[in-house]
Amino acid sequence: MGFLIVFIVFFVMEGLTWVIHKYIMHGLLWSLHRDHHDHSNKGNLERNDYFFVIFATPAIVLMYLGAMQDYNYLFYIGMGISLYGMAYFFVHDIFIHQRISFLKNTKNPYLLAIRRAHKQHHKHTQKHDGECYGFLWVPVKYFRMYFNKNQK
């Protein structure tokens, strides 16, 4: 049952990520997210990196509370959030933004579509008028762009 909870939470996190990114990161907490778009911070870390702590905190609390109660459903919800966070870190920070050079020259159509959608998101440097707020779920037009190219 724990695996199922982890899987469902991981899947649901994609929708929550879209909502949080569009309405909180590009809304109420734009002051933290802005430097991720305008690159105003010249150091290795951005104010945007505080979101790691903001989003990790509920996951850690849920896993702790669930572990204190014989690893009940709270633990597995926290695990699902944590696994999604790890996937986000590897795909967003390492693969897309190349904080560590990895898969730089990939030919994988799915990974290229993710990278292209994220690039479209970043062409908007202001709070409003953005697109592609999701993470792993990419609009179909970006898939078509790369899958059709590979079918020729």
Protein backbone atom coordinates (compact mmCIF):
# COMPACT_ATOMS: atom_id res chain seq x y z
CA MET A 1 0.00 0.00 0.00
CA GLY A 2 2.90 2.35 0.76
CA PHE A 3 4.24 2.08 -2.81
CA LEU A 4 0.82 3.02 -4.20
CA ILE A 5 0.64 6.12 -1.98
CA VAL A 6 4.15 7.17 -3.04
CA PHE A 7 3.24 6.69 -6.72
CA ILE A 8 -0.03 8.63 -6.47
CA VAL A 9 1.59 11.50 -4.54
CA PHE A 10 4.46 11.69 -7.07
CA PHE A 11 1.89 11.89 -9.90
CA VAL A 12 -0.27 14.48 -8.08
CA MET A 13 2.82 16.61 -7.40
CA GLU A 14 3.04 17.46 -11.11
CA GLY A 15 -0.34 19.20 -10.98
CA LEU A 16 0.50 20.88 -7.70
CA THR A 17 3.82 22.02 -9.15
CA TRP A 18 2.05 23.70 -12.06
CA VAL A 19 -0.34 25.54 -9.71
CA ILE A 20 2.41 26.49 -7.23
CA HIS A 21 4.75 27.64 -10.00
CA LYS A 22 2.15 29.75 -11.77
CA TYR A 23 0.28 31.26 -8.83
CA ILE A 24 2.80 31.32 -5.99
CA MET A 25 6.26 31.47 -7.56
CA HIS A 26 5.01 33.83 -10.30
CA GLY A 27 2.66 35.50 -7.82
CA LEU A 28 2.99 35.99 -4.09
CA LEU A 29 6.62 34.79 -3.90
CA TRP A 30 7.90 36.31 -7.15
CA SER A 31 10.54 38.15 -5.10
CA LEU A 32 12.20 34.76 -4.45
CA HIS A 33 11.72 33.38 -7.96
CA ARG A 34 12.63 36.49 -10.01
CA ASP A 35 16.39 35.92 -10.02
CA HIS A 36 15.84 32.52 -11.60
CA HIS A 37 14.40 34.32 -14.65
CA ASP A 38 16.46 37.50 -14.86
CA HIS A 39 19.75 35.99 -13.63
CA SER A 40 20.35 39.02 -11.41
CA ASN A 41 22.21 36.91 -8.84
CA LYS A 42 25.78 36.28 -9.99
CA GLY A 43 26.64 33.64 -7.35
CA ASN A 44 26.19 29.87 -7.42
CA LEU A 45 22.93 30.06 -5.47
CA GLU A 46 19.80 32.04 -6.24
CA ARG A 47 17.07 33.30 -3.94
CA ASN A 48 14.95 30.84 -5.91
CA ASP A 49 16.91 28.03 -4.22
CA TYR A 50 15.05 28.80 -0.97
CA PHE A 51 12.12 26.95 -2.52
CA PHE A 52 14.10 23.77 -1.90
CA VAL A 53 13.80 24.37 1.85
CA ILE A 54 10.20 25.58 1.58
CA PHE A 55 9.09 22.44 -0.26
CA ALA A 56 11.32 19.97 1.61
CA THR A 57 10.02 21.03 5.03
CA PRO A 58 6.50 19.54 4.73
CA ALA A 59 7.95 16.33 3.25
CA ILE A 60 10.39 15.95 6.15
CA VAL A 61 7.67 16.69 8.72
CA LEU A 62 5.30 14.18 7.11
CA MET A 63 7.96 11.47 6.99
CA TYR A 64 8.90 12.13 10.62
CA LEU A 65 5.30 12.05 11.83
CA GLY A 66 4.57 8.93 9.79
CA ALA A 67 7.67 7.17 11.10
CA MET A 68 6.64 7.97 14.68
CA GLN A 69 3.32 6.23 14.00
CA ASP A 70 4.65 2.90 12.67
CA TYR A 71 5.23 4.26 9.15
CA ASN A 72 1.66 5.16 8.40
CA TYR A 73 0.36 6.92 5.28
CA LEU A 74 1.96 10.26 6.30
CA PHE A 75 5.40 8.73 5.86
CA TYR A 76 4.56 7.58 2.33
CA ILE A 77 3.07 10.95 1.37
CA GLY A 78 6.33 12.57 2.51
CA MET A 79 8.28 9.99 0.49
CA GLY A 80 6.26 10.79 -2.65
CA ILE A 81 6.92 14.50 -2.21
CA SER A 82 10.62 13.81 -1.56
CA LEU A 83 11.01 11.59 -4.63
CA TYR A 84 9.33 14.23 -6.77
CA GLY A 85 11.70 16.83 -5.30
CA MET A 86 14.69 14.67 -6.17
CA ALA A 87 13.40 14.19 -9.72
CA TYR A 88 12.88 17.94 -9.95
CA PHE A 89 16.44 18.61 -8.78
CA PHE A 90 18.00 16.18 -11.23
CA VAL A 91 15.93 17.22 -14.23
CA HIS A 92 15.62 20.97 -13.58
CA ASP A 93 18.90 21.90 -11.93
CA ILE A 94 21.26 19.30 -13.36
CA PHE A 95 19.80 18.44 -16.79
CA ILE A 96 18.01 21.63 -17.88
CA HIS A 97 20.11 24.34 -16.25
CA GLN A 98 23.34 22.29 -16.42
CA ARG A 99 24.54 23.12 -12.90
CA ILE A 100 26.46 19.88 -13.44
CA SER A 101 27.25 19.03 -17.05
CA PHE A 102 25.10 15.97 -17.70
CA LEU A 103 23.30 14.75 -20.83
CA LYS A 104 24.24 17.98 -22.54
CA ASN A 105 24.08 16.47 -26.03
CA THR A 106 21.12 14.12 -25.59
CA LYS A 107 19.08 13.09 -28.63
CA ASN A 108 16.20 11.74 -26.51
CA PRO A 109 13.00 13.40 -27.82
CA TYR A 110 11.31 13.48 -24.39
CA LEU A 111 14.30 15.14 -22.72
CA LEU A 112 14.64 17.59 -25.61
CA ALA A 113 10.93 18.44 -25.30
CA ILE A 114 11.31 19.09 -21.57
CA ARG A 115 14.31 21.32 -22.22
CA ARG A 116 12.53 23.24 -25.00
CA ALA A 117 9.38 23.80 -22.92
CA HIS A 118 11.48 25.11 -20.06
CA LYS A 119 13.34 27.41 -22.43
CA GLN A 120 9.98 28.78 -23.57
CA HIS A 121 9.08 29.37 -19.93
CA HIS A 122 12.31 31.30 -19.38
CA LYS A 123 11.94 33.54 -22.41
CA HIS A 124 9.55 35.51 -20.19
CA THR A 125 11.62 37.42 -17.65
CA GLN A 126 8.68 39.10 -15.96
CA LYS A 127 6.11 37.88 -13.46
CA HIS A 128 3.23 37.55 -15.94
CA ASP A 129 2.65 36.24 -19.46
CA GLY A 130 4.54 33.00 -18.93
CA GLU A 131 3.92 29.52 -20.23
CA CYS A 132 4.94 25.93 -19.50
CA TYR A 133 4.67 26.01 -15.71
CA GLY A 134 4.82 22.24 -15.34
CA PHE A 135 7.85 20.05 -14.98
CA LEU A 136 7.60 16.49 -16.27
CA TRP A 137 4.37 16.95 -18.23
CA VAL A 138 5.24 18.87 -21.38
CA PRO A 139 2.72 20.39 -23.82
CA VAL A 140 2.14 18.14 -26.83
CA LYS A 141 3.53 20.67 -29.33
CA TYR A 142 7.03 20.19 -27.88
CA PHE A 143 6.79 16.42 -28.13
CA ARG A 144 5.70 16.71 -31.75
CA MET A 145 8.63 18.99 -32.48
CA TYR A 146 11.15 16.30 -31.54
CA PHE A 147 9.31 13.03 -32.19
CA ASN A 148 8.37 14.05 -35.74
CA LYS A 149 11.97 15.09 -36.43
CA ASN A 150 13.19 11.62 -35.43
CA GLN A 151 10.62 9.83 -37.61
CA LYS A 152 11.93 11.23 -40.90
